[in-house]
């Protein structure tokens, strides 16, 4: 799952604004090196920046398109998962020493959510 999402995101990187592109490159590097929590955190950050940065393909997106990318159930999941990592809220899957399976899975999901949202913003 992560491999396909990585390829989709690599194709979109050049079309992002400079801030989002930098964060996306770091998210992809983190994915390749198995830094699963970082992938989740950076994926959420890329989406936040891409929605606000005044450069990149999304700059011409209309309100409904932005809302679809920002407010989807999956985008909400991504923000919640990121918040569960950066703001300690009790034990969360993959963060309490029980192995990396849950975190690895969620990192792949985070990349897929991000790829879907960016593709939504880039629709013609």
N, C-alpha and C. Protein backbone atom coordinates (compact mmCIF):
# COMPACT_ATOMS: atom_id res chain seq x y z
N UNK A 1 0.83 -1.20 0.00
CA UNK A 1 0.00 0.00 0.00
C UNK A 1 0.87 1.25 0.00
N UNK A 2 1.86 1.32 0.87
CA UNK A 2 2.69 2.52 0.95
C UNK A 2 3.46 2.73 -0.35
N UNK A 3 3.91 1.65 -0.99
CA UNK A 3 4.67 1.79 -2.22
C UNK A 3 3.88 2.48 -3.32
N UNK A 4 2.64 2.09 -3.50
CA UNK A 4 1.79 2.73 -4.51
C UNK A 4 1.54 4.19 -4.15
N UNK A 5 1.23 4.45 -2.89
CA UNK A 5 0.99 5.83 -2.46
C UNK A 5 2.24 6.68 -2.63
N UNK A 6 3.40 6.10 -2.32
CA UNK A 6 4.66 6.84 -2.51
C UNK A 6 4.84 7.24 -3.96
N UNK A 7 4.57 6.32 -4.88
CA UNK A 7 4.72 6.64 -6.31
C UNK A 7 3.74 7.74 -6.72
N UNK A 8 2.52 7.66 -6.24
CA UNK A 8 1.53 8.70 -6.56
C UNK A 8 1.98 10.06 -6.02
N UNK A 9 2.52 10.07 -4.82
CA UNK A 9 2.97 11.32 -4.21
C UNK A 9 4.21 11.88 -4.90
N UNK A 10 5.11 11.02 -5.32
CA UNK A 10 6.30 11.49 -6.03
C UNK A 10 5.92 12.25 -7.29
N UNK A 11 4.89 11.78 -7.97
CA UNK A 11 4.44 12.46 -9.20
C UNK A 11 3.84 13.83 -8.89
N UNK A 12 3.31 14.01 -7.70
CA UNK A 12 2.66 15.27 -7.35
C UNK A 12 3.62 16.29 -6.72
N UNK A 13 4.76 15.85 -6.28
CA UNK A 13 5.68 16.70 -5.52
C UNK A 13 6.05 17.97 -6.27
N UNK A 14 6.35 17.86 -7.55
CA UNK A 14 6.80 19.03 -8.33
C UNK A 14 5.69 20.06 -8.49
N UNK A 15 4.45 19.65 -8.33
CA UNK A 15 3.33 20.58 -8.52
C UNK A 15 2.90 21.28 -7.24
N UNK A 16 3.52 20.94 -6.14
CA UNK A 16 3.19 21.59 -4.87
C UNK A 16 3.97 22.89 -4.72
N UNK A 17 3.54 23.72 -3.80
CA UNK A 17 4.33 24.89 -3.44
C UNK A 17 5.60 24.44 -2.73
N UNK A 18 6.56 25.33 -2.54
CA UNK A 18 7.86 24.93 -1.98
C UNK A 18 7.79 24.38 -0.56
N UNK A 19 6.93 24.92 0.27
CA UNK A 19 6.82 24.46 1.66
C UNK A 19 6.25 23.04 1.69
N UNK A 20 5.14 22.83 0.99
CA UNK A 20 4.52 21.50 0.96
C UNK A 20 5.44 20.48 0.29
N UNK A 21 6.15 20.89 -0.76
CA UNK A 21 7.05 19.98 -1.47
C UNK A 21 8.19 19.52 -0.56
N UNK A 22 8.73 20.43 0.23
CA UNK A 22 9.80 20.06 1.16
C UNK A 22 9.30 19.05 2.19
N UNK A 23 8.14 19.33 2.77
CA UNK A 23 7.58 18.41 3.76
C UNK A 23 7.24 17.06 3.15
N UNK A 24 6.74 17.07 1.92
CA UNK A 24 6.42 15.81 1.25
C UNK A 24 7.68 15.00 0.99
N UNK A 25 8.74 15.65 0.55
CA UNK A 25 10.00 14.94 0.33
C UNK A 25 10.49 14.29 1.64
N UNK A 26 10.33 15.00 2.74
CA UNK A 26 10.74 14.43 4.03
C UNK A 26 9.83 13.29 4.45
N UNK A 27 8.54 13.40 4.17
CA UNK A 27 7.61 12.31 4.49
C UNK A 27 7.97 11.05 3.70
N UNK A 28 8.31 11.23 2.43
CA UNK A 28 8.69 10.08 1.60
C UNK A 28 10.00 9.47 2.08
N UNK A 29 10.95 10.30 2.46
CA UNK A 29 12.22 9.79 2.99
C UNK A 29 11.98 9.04 4.30
N UNK A 30 11.11 9.57 5.13
CA UNK A 30 10.78 8.89 6.40
C UNK A 30 10.13 7.54 6.13
N UNK A 31 9.28 7.49 5.12
CA UNK A 31 8.63 6.23 4.78
C UNK A 31 9.65 5.19 4.34
N UNK A 32 10.57 5.60 3.52
CA UNK A 32 11.58 4.67 3.01
C UNK A 32 12.51 4.17 4.11
N UNK A 33 12.64 4.94 5.18
CA UNK A 33 13.54 4.53 6.26
C UNK A 33 12.79 3.96 7.46
N UNK A 34 11.50 3.72 7.31
CA UNK A 34 10.75 3.07 8.37
C UNK A 34 10.43 3.94 9.57
N UNK A 35 10.39 5.23 9.40
CA UNK A 35 10.06 6.15 10.49
C UNK A 35 8.55 6.43 10.44
N UNK A 36 7.79 5.47 10.91
CA UNK A 36 6.35 5.47 10.72
C UNK A 36 5.63 6.62 11.40
N UNK A 37 5.99 6.94 12.62
CA UNK A 37 5.35 8.07 13.30
C UNK A 37 5.62 9.37 12.54
N UNK A 38 6.83 9.53 12.05
CA UNK A 38 7.18 10.73 11.29
C UNK A 38 6.37 10.82 10.00
N UNK A 39 6.12 9.69 9.37
CA UNK A 39 5.32 9.67 8.14
C UNK A 39 3.92 10.21 8.43
N UNK A 40 3.33 9.77 9.51
CA UNK A 40 1.98 10.21 9.86
C UNK A 40 1.97 11.71 10.16
N UNK A 41 2.90 12.15 10.97
CA UNK A 41 2.98 13.57 11.34
C UNK A 41 3.21 14.43 10.10
N UNK A 42 4.15 14.04 9.27
CA UNK A 42 4.47 14.84 8.08
C UNK A 42 3.36 14.79 7.04
N UNK A 43 2.68 13.67 6.91
CA UNK A 43 1.57 13.59 5.95
C UNK A 43 0.48 14.58 6.32
N UNK A 44 0.16 14.64 7.60
CA UNK A 44 -0.85 15.61 8.04
C UNK A 44 -0.37 17.04 7.81
N UNK A 45 0.91 17.28 8.04
CA UNK A 45 1.46 18.62 7.83
C UNK A 45 1.42 19.01 6.35
N UNK A 46 1.75 18.07 5.47
CA UNK A 46 1.72 18.36 4.03
C UNK A 46 0.31 18.77 3.62
N UNK A 47 -0.68 18.03 4.08
CA UNK A 47 -2.05 18.36 3.72
C UNK A 47 -2.43 19.74 4.24
N UNK A 48 -2.09 20.03 5.49
CA UNK A 48 -2.39 21.35 6.05
C UNK A 48 -1.74 22.47 5.23
N UNK A 49 -0.48 22.29 4.89
CA UNK A 49 0.24 23.32 4.13
C UNK A 49 -0.32 23.44 2.72
N UNK A 50 -0.56 22.30 2.07
CA UNK A 50 -1.06 22.34 0.69
C UNK A 50 -2.40 23.06 0.61
N UNK A 51 -3.19 22.97 1.65
CA UNK A 51 -4.48 23.65 1.66
C UNK A 51 -4.35 25.17 1.85
N UNK A 52 -3.22 25.62 2.36
CA UNK A 52 -3.07 27.03 2.71
C UNK A 52 -1.99 27.77 1.93
N UNK A 53 -1.00 27.05 1.45
CA UNK A 53 0.12 27.69 0.77
C UNK A 53 -0.37 28.36 -0.52
N UNK A 54 0.01 29.61 -0.74
CA UNK A 54 -0.51 30.33 -1.92
C UNK A 54 0.22 29.99 -3.22
N UNK A 55 0.83 28.83 -3.28
CA UNK A 55 1.52 28.38 -4.50
C UNK A 55 1.19 26.91 -4.70
N UNK A 56 1.35 26.45 -5.91
CA UNK A 56 1.09 25.05 -6.20
C UNK A 56 -0.23 24.86 -6.91
N UNK A 57 -0.47 23.64 -7.36
CA UNK A 57 -1.64 23.36 -8.18
C UNK A 57 -2.95 23.63 -7.49
N UNK A 58 -2.97 23.53 -6.19
CA UNK A 58 -4.23 23.69 -5.45
C UNK A 58 -4.70 25.14 -5.39
N UNK A 59 -3.85 26.07 -5.75
CA UNK A 59 -4.19 27.49 -5.60
C UNK A 59 -5.47 27.85 -6.36
N UNK A 60 -5.77 27.14 -7.42
CA UNK A 60 -6.98 27.43 -8.19
C UNK A 60 -8.17 26.57 -7.82
N UNK A 61 -8.02 25.74 -6.79
CA UNK A 61 -9.12 24.86 -6.40
C UNK A 61 -10.29 25.67 -5.85
N UNK A 62 -11.49 25.23 -6.18
CA UNK A 62 -12.67 25.94 -5.68
C UNK A 62 -13.04 25.45 -4.28
N UNK A 63 -13.98 26.14 -3.66
CA UNK A 63 -14.37 25.84 -2.29
C UNK A 63 -14.82 24.41 -2.06
N UNK A 64 -15.71 23.87 -2.90
CA UNK A 64 -16.13 22.48 -2.69
C UNK A 64 -14.99 21.47 -2.81
N UNK A 65 -14.05 21.74 -3.71
CA UNK A 65 -12.91 20.83 -3.86
C UNK A 65 -12.02 20.88 -2.63
N UNK A 66 -11.77 22.09 -2.14
CA UNK A 66 -10.96 22.23 -0.92
C UNK A 66 -11.65 21.55 0.25
N UNK A 67 -12.95 21.75 0.36
CA UNK A 67 -13.70 21.12 1.46
C UNK A 67 -13.65 19.60 1.35
N UNK A 68 -13.74 19.07 0.14
CA UNK A 68 -13.69 17.62 -0.03
C UNK A 68 -12.35 17.06 0.41
N UNK A 69 -11.27 17.76 0.10
CA UNK A 69 -9.93 17.30 0.49
C UNK A 69 -9.69 17.49 1.99
N UNK A 70 -10.18 18.57 2.53
CA UNK A 70 -9.92 18.92 3.93
C UNK A 70 -10.82 18.19 4.90
N UNK A 71 -12.07 17.97 4.52
CA UNK A 71 -13.07 17.51 5.47
C UNK A 71 -13.50 16.06 5.30
N UNK A 72 -12.79 15.32 4.49
CA UNK A 72 -13.17 13.92 4.30
C UNK A 72 -12.96 13.13 5.60
N UNK A 73 -13.63 12.02 5.69
CA UNK A 73 -13.47 11.15 6.86
C UNK A 73 -12.01 10.72 7.01
N UNK A 74 -11.35 10.46 5.88
CA UNK A 74 -9.96 10.02 5.93
C UNK A 74 -9.03 11.16 6.38
N UNK A 75 -9.28 12.38 5.91
CA UNK A 75 -8.47 13.51 6.35
C UNK A 75 -8.66 13.74 7.85
N UNK A 76 -9.88 13.56 8.33
CA UNK A 76 -10.15 13.68 9.76
C UNK A 76 -9.36 12.61 10.52
N UNK A 77 -9.37 11.37 10.01
CA UNK A 77 -8.60 10.30 10.65
C UNK A 77 -7.12 10.68 10.72
N UNK A 78 -6.59 11.22 9.62
CA UNK A 78 -5.17 11.58 9.59
C UNK A 78 -4.85 12.63 10.65
N UNK A 79 -5.69 13.65 10.77
CA UNK A 79 -5.44 14.67 11.79
C UNK A 79 -5.52 14.08 13.20
N UNK A 80 -6.50 13.22 13.42
CA UNK A 80 -6.65 12.60 14.74
C UNK A 80 -5.46 11.69 15.06
N UNK A 81 -5.00 10.95 14.07
CA UNK A 81 -3.86 10.05 14.29
C UNK A 81 -2.61 10.86 14.58
N UNK A 82 -2.40 11.94 13.83
CA UNK A 82 -1.27 12.82 14.09
C UNK A 82 -1.36 13.41 15.50
N UNK A 83 -2.53 13.89 15.87
CA UNK A 83 -2.70 14.47 17.20
C UNK A 83 -2.43 13.46 18.30
N UNK A 84 -2.81 12.21 18.07
CA UNK A 84 -2.55 11.17 19.06
C UNK A 84 -1.07 10.88 19.24
N UNK A 85 -0.28 11.22 18.24
CA UNK A 85 1.17 11.03 18.34
C UNK A 85 1.84 12.23 18.99
N UNK A 86 1.50 13.42 18.55
CA UNK A 86 2.22 14.61 19.04
C UNK A 86 1.68 15.14 20.37
N UNK A 87 0.46 14.77 20.73
CA UNK A 87 -0.12 15.18 22.01
C UNK A 87 -0.46 13.91 22.78
N UNK A 88 0.29 13.60 23.79
CA UNK A 88 0.08 12.36 24.51
C UNK A 88 -1.34 12.30 25.05
N UNK A 89 -2.07 11.28 24.65
CA UNK A 89 -3.46 11.10 25.07
C UNK A 89 -3.67 9.68 25.57
N UNK A 90 -2.70 9.16 26.29
CA UNK A 90 -2.79 7.77 26.72
C UNK A 90 -2.20 6.88 25.64
N UNK A 91 -2.16 5.61 25.90
CA UNK A 91 -1.56 4.67 24.96
C UNK A 91 -2.29 4.62 23.64
N UNK A 92 -1.58 4.77 22.57
CA UNK A 92 -2.13 4.66 21.22
C UNK A 92 -1.40 3.55 20.50
N UNK A 93 -2.06 2.92 19.56
CA UNK A 93 -1.50 1.81 18.82
C UNK A 93 -0.14 2.11 18.23
N UNK A 94 0.81 1.25 18.54
CA UNK A 94 2.14 1.37 17.97
C UNK A 94 3.08 2.29 18.73
N UNK A 95 2.60 2.91 19.79
CA UNK A 95 3.44 3.87 20.51
C UNK A 95 3.80 3.41 21.92
N UNK A 96 3.35 2.25 22.30
CA UNK A 96 3.57 1.81 23.68
C UNK A 96 4.47 0.58 23.75
N UNK A 97 5.34 0.42 22.76
CA UNK A 97 6.33 -0.64 22.80
C UNK A 97 5.82 -2.01 22.38
N UNK A 98 4.64 -2.08 21.79
CA UNK A 98 4.08 -3.38 21.43
C UNK A 98 4.45 -3.82 20.01
N UNK A 99 5.37 -3.16 19.40
CA UNK A 99 5.76 -3.52 18.04
C UNK A 99 5.26 -2.48 17.06
N UNK A 100 5.76 -2.56 15.85
CA UNK A 100 5.47 -1.51 14.88
C UNK A 100 4.37 -1.81 13.89
N UNK A 101 3.67 -2.92 14.05
CA UNK A 101 2.67 -3.29 13.05
C UNK A 101 1.57 -2.26 12.86
N UNK A 102 0.99 -1.79 13.95
CA UNK A 102 -0.10 -0.81 13.84
C UNK A 102 0.42 0.50 13.29
N UNK A 103 1.56 0.92 13.75
CA UNK A 103 2.13 2.19 13.29
C UNK A 103 2.53 2.08 11.82
N UNK A 104 3.09 0.97 11.42
CA UNK A 104 3.47 0.75 10.01
C UNK A 104 2.23 0.81 9.12
N UNK A 105 1.18 0.14 9.55
CA UNK A 105 -0.07 0.15 8.79
C UNK A 105 -0.62 1.57 8.68
N UNK A 106 -0.62 2.29 9.79
CA UNK A 106 -1.17 3.64 9.78
C UNK A 106 -0.32 4.60 8.95
N UNK A 107 0.99 4.37 8.90
CA UNK A 107 1.84 5.20 8.05
C UNK A 107 1.48 5.00 6.58
N UNK A 108 1.25 3.76 6.19
CA UNK A 108 0.81 3.50 4.82
C UNK A 108 -0.53 4.14 4.53
N UNK A 109 -1.43 4.05 5.49
CA UNK A 109 -2.74 4.68 5.32
C UNK A 109 -2.60 6.20 5.21
N UNK A 110 -1.71 6.78 6.01
CA UNK A 110 -1.50 8.23 5.98
C UNK A 110 -1.05 8.68 4.59
N UNK A 111 -0.13 7.94 3.99
CA UNK A 111 0.34 8.29 2.65
C UNK A 111 -0.78 8.17 1.62
N UNK A 112 -1.61 7.16 1.77
CA UNK A 112 -2.74 6.99 0.85
C UNK A 112 -3.75 8.12 1.01
N UNK A 113 -4.04 8.48 2.25
CA UNK A 113 -4.96 9.60 2.51
C UNK A 113 -4.42 10.88 1.88
N UNK A 114 -3.13 11.12 2.08
CA UNK A 114 -2.51 12.32 1.52
C UNK A 114 -2.56 12.30 -0.01
N UNK A 115 -2.22 11.18 -0.61
CA UNK A 115 -2.25 11.08 -2.07
C UNK A 115 -3.66 11.35 -2.60
N UNK A 116 -4.66 10.77 -1.95
CA UNK A 116 -6.04 10.98 -2.38
C UNK A 116 -6.44 12.45 -2.25
N UNK A 117 -6.08 13.08 -1.14
CA UNK A 117 -6.44 14.48 -0.93
C UNK A 117 -5.76 15.39 -1.95
N UNK A 118 -4.48 15.15 -2.21
CA UNK A 118 -3.77 15.99 -3.18
C UNK A 118 -4.32 15.78 -4.58
N UNK A 119 -4.69 14.55 -4.90
CA UNK A 119 -5.30 14.31 -6.21
C UNK A 119 -6.65 15.01 -6.31
N UNK A 120 -7.39 15.04 -5.23
CA UNK A 120 -8.67 15.77 -5.21
C UNK A 120 -8.43 17.25 -5.48
N UNK A 121 -7.42 17.82 -4.86
CA UNK A 121 -7.11 19.24 -5.06
C UNK A 121 -6.62 19.52 -6.47
N UNK A 122 -6.04 18.52 -7.11
CA UNK A 122 -5.43 18.71 -8.43
C UNK A 122 -6.37 18.32 -9.57
N UNK A 123 -7.61 18.02 -9.25
CA UNK A 123 -8.57 17.67 -10.31
C UNK A 123 -8.75 18.86 -11.24
N UNK A 124 -8.86 18.57 -12.49
CA UNK A 124 -9.12 19.65 -13.47
C UNK A 124 -10.59 19.78 -13.73
